[in-house]
Protein backbone atom coordinates (compact mmCIF):
# COMPACT_ATOMS: atom_id res chain seq x y z
CA UNK A 1 18.38 19.34 2.47
CA UNK A 2 17.31 22.80 3.02
CA UNK A 3 13.98 23.70 2.75
CA UNK A 4 11.73 27.30 2.91
CA UNK A 5 8.17 27.06 5.06
CA UNK A 6 5.90 30.13 3.95
CA UNK A 7 5.43 31.36 0.57
CA UNK A 8 5.93 30.38 -2.64
CA UNK A 9 10.34 29.84 -3.62
CA UNK A 10 10.51 32.22 -6.48
CA UNK A 11 15.00 32.16 -6.97
CA UNK A 12 16.23 29.25 -9.15
CA UNK A 13 16.91 26.14 -7.88
CA UNK A 14 20.99 26.01 -6.79
CA UNK A 15 23.59 23.85 -8.92
CA UNK A 16 22.47 20.27 -8.34
CA UNK A 17 19.48 21.06 -6.71
CA UNK A 18 15.54 21.14 -7.52
CA UNK A 19 12.66 22.13 -5.65
CA UNK A 20 9.63 19.95 -4.92
CA UNK A 21 5.95 22.07 -3.61
CA UNK A 22 4.08 20.18 -2.06
CA UNK A 23 -0.40 20.75 -1.43
CA UNK A 24 -1.56 18.81 1.55
CA UNK A 25 -5.99 18.27 0.61
CA UNK A 26 -8.61 16.54 2.59
CA UNK A 27 -10.12 14.26 -0.13
CA UNK A 28 -12.81 17.16 -0.62
CA UNK A 29 -9.87 19.52 -2.06
CA UNK A 30 -9.76 21.68 0.78
CA UNK A 31 -6.02 22.54 1.97
CA UNK A 32 -4.97 20.75 5.43
CA UNK A 33 -2.99 23.49 7.96
CA UNK A 34 -0.45 22.51 9.07
CA UNK A 35 -0.31 18.85 8.64
CA UNK A 36 3.64 17.04 8.97
CA UNK A 37 5.54 15.99 6.19
CA UNK A 38 8.62 14.22 5.58
CA UNK A 39 10.90 14.08 2.28
CA UNK A 40 12.95 11.31 2.12
CA UNK A 41 15.75 10.27 0.03
CA UNK A 42 14.32 6.89 -1.62
CA UNK A 43 16.76 3.57 0.55
CA UNK A 44 18.85 6.24 2.60
CA UNK A 45 18.49 7.75 5.97
CA UNK A 46 18.01 12.52 4.86
CA UNK A 47 15.03 12.88 6.07
CA UNK A 48 13.35 16.33 6.23
CA UNK A 49 10.70 17.44 8.01
CA UNK A 50 8.07 20.56 8.12
CA UNK A 51 4.57 20.88 8.52
CA UNK A 52 2.57 23.24 5.55
CA UNK A 53 1.11 26.64 5.82
CA UNK A 54 -2.63 27.97 5.57
CA UNK A 55 -2.37 26.28 1.59
CA UNK A 56 -1.49 23.59 2.36
CA UNK A 57 2.10 23.87 0.83
CA UNK A 58 5.58 22.69 2.10
CA UNK A 59 8.21 23.53 -0.10
CA UNK A 60 11.65 21.56 0.23
CA UNK A 61 15.20 22.40 -1.52
CA UNK A 62 16.65 18.95 -2.63
CA UNK A 63 19.76 16.89 -3.83
CA UNK A 64 18.36 15.15 -7.16
CA UNK A 65 17.74 12.67 -6.13
CA UNK A 66 14.10 9.39 -5.86
CA UNK A 67 13.16 10.76 -2.96
CA UNK A 68 9.11 9.31 -0.92
CA UNK A 69 6.53 11.81 0.32
CA UNK A 70 4.31 10.68 3.74
CA UNK A 71 1.87 13.65 5.12
CA UNK A 72 -0.15 12.75 8.07
CA UNK A 73 -2.68 15.68 10.22
CA UNK A 74 -5.10 15.40 13.12
CA UNK A 75 -8.49 16.76 11.17
CA UNK A 76 -9.20 19.25 13.45
CA UNK A 77 -12.27 21.81 13.53
CA UNK A 78 -13.73 24.97 15.16
CA UNK A 79 -15.95 23.29 16.82
CA UNK A 80 -14.72 20.24 17.44
CA UNK A 81 -14.04 17.61 19.27
CA UNK A 82 -12.10 15.02 19.70
CA UNK A 83 -9.86 15.79 16.61
CA UNK A 84 -9.75 12.74 14.65
CA UNK A 85 -7.24 11.69 12.27
CA UNK A 86 -7.13 11.72 8.65
CA UNK A 87 -5.81 8.65 7.19
CA UNK A 88 -1.60 9.26 6.16
CA UNK A 89 -1.26 10.12 2.03
CA UNK A 90 2.41 8.88 0.63
CA UNK A 91 3.69 9.10 -3.09
CA UNK A 92 7.01 6.78 -2.24
CA UNK A 93 9.92 6.87 -5.66
CA UNK A 94 9.84 10.65 -7.38
CA UNK A 95 12.51 11.05 -8.89
CA UNK A 96 13.75 15.13 -9.24
CA UNK A 97 16.47 15.69 -11.69
CA UNK A 98 18.83 19.18 -10.75
CA UNK A 99 16.66 22.51 -11.15
CA UNK A 100 13.70 20.42 -11.68
CA UNK A 101 10.53 21.74 -9.98
CA UNK A 102 7.85 19.54 -8.32
CA UNK A 103 4.60 20.36 -8.20
CA UNK A 104 2.67 17.48 -6.06
CA UNK A 105 -0.30 17.24 -3.92
CA UNK A 106 -1.22 14.38 -1.00
CA UNK A 107 -4.54 13.85 -0.27
CA UNK A 108 -5.21 12.71 3.28
CA UNK A 109 -8.81 10.35 3.89
CA UNK A 110 -10.84 11.75 7.48
CA UNK A 111 -11.48 8.37 9.52
CA UNK A 112 -14.17 6.95 10.32
CA UNK A 113 -15.18 8.00 13.63
CA UNK A 114 -15.52 4.98 15.61
CA UNK A 115 -18.84 4.76 18.90
CA UNK A 116 -18.73 2.92 21.31
CA UNK A 117 -22.18 2.05 22.61
CA UNK A 118 -22.85 3.15 26.23
CA UNK A 119 -24.50 0.64 28.11
CA UNK A 120 -26.30 0.87 31.62
CA UNK A 121 -26.22 -1.39 34.31
CA UNK A 122 -29.56 -2.10 35.18
């Protein structure tokens, strides 16, 4: 699978290929930078993993066919410790035709922080 990490694709896809643009966002709508996006051909071993740019965007150039996409990321914000994970997001069974350009969005939801009470012995 070919891939483009940054920016927007303007060139036409080669014969038999499709462009899949994936934007990863938080539930509130903000883009998720450095999210890991895995695109895998449905029922096959062919797969590719890329990290999103500052706009939460990653672009895959793939052969026409059916694909599953999964995104995951840490919810690390400036000054936040520890980083809380997002729950993974997925889009199963996307069908891409040759020369098609498909834009999809995967939404990630922050996992609630677990608070462990501290009890001191007397």
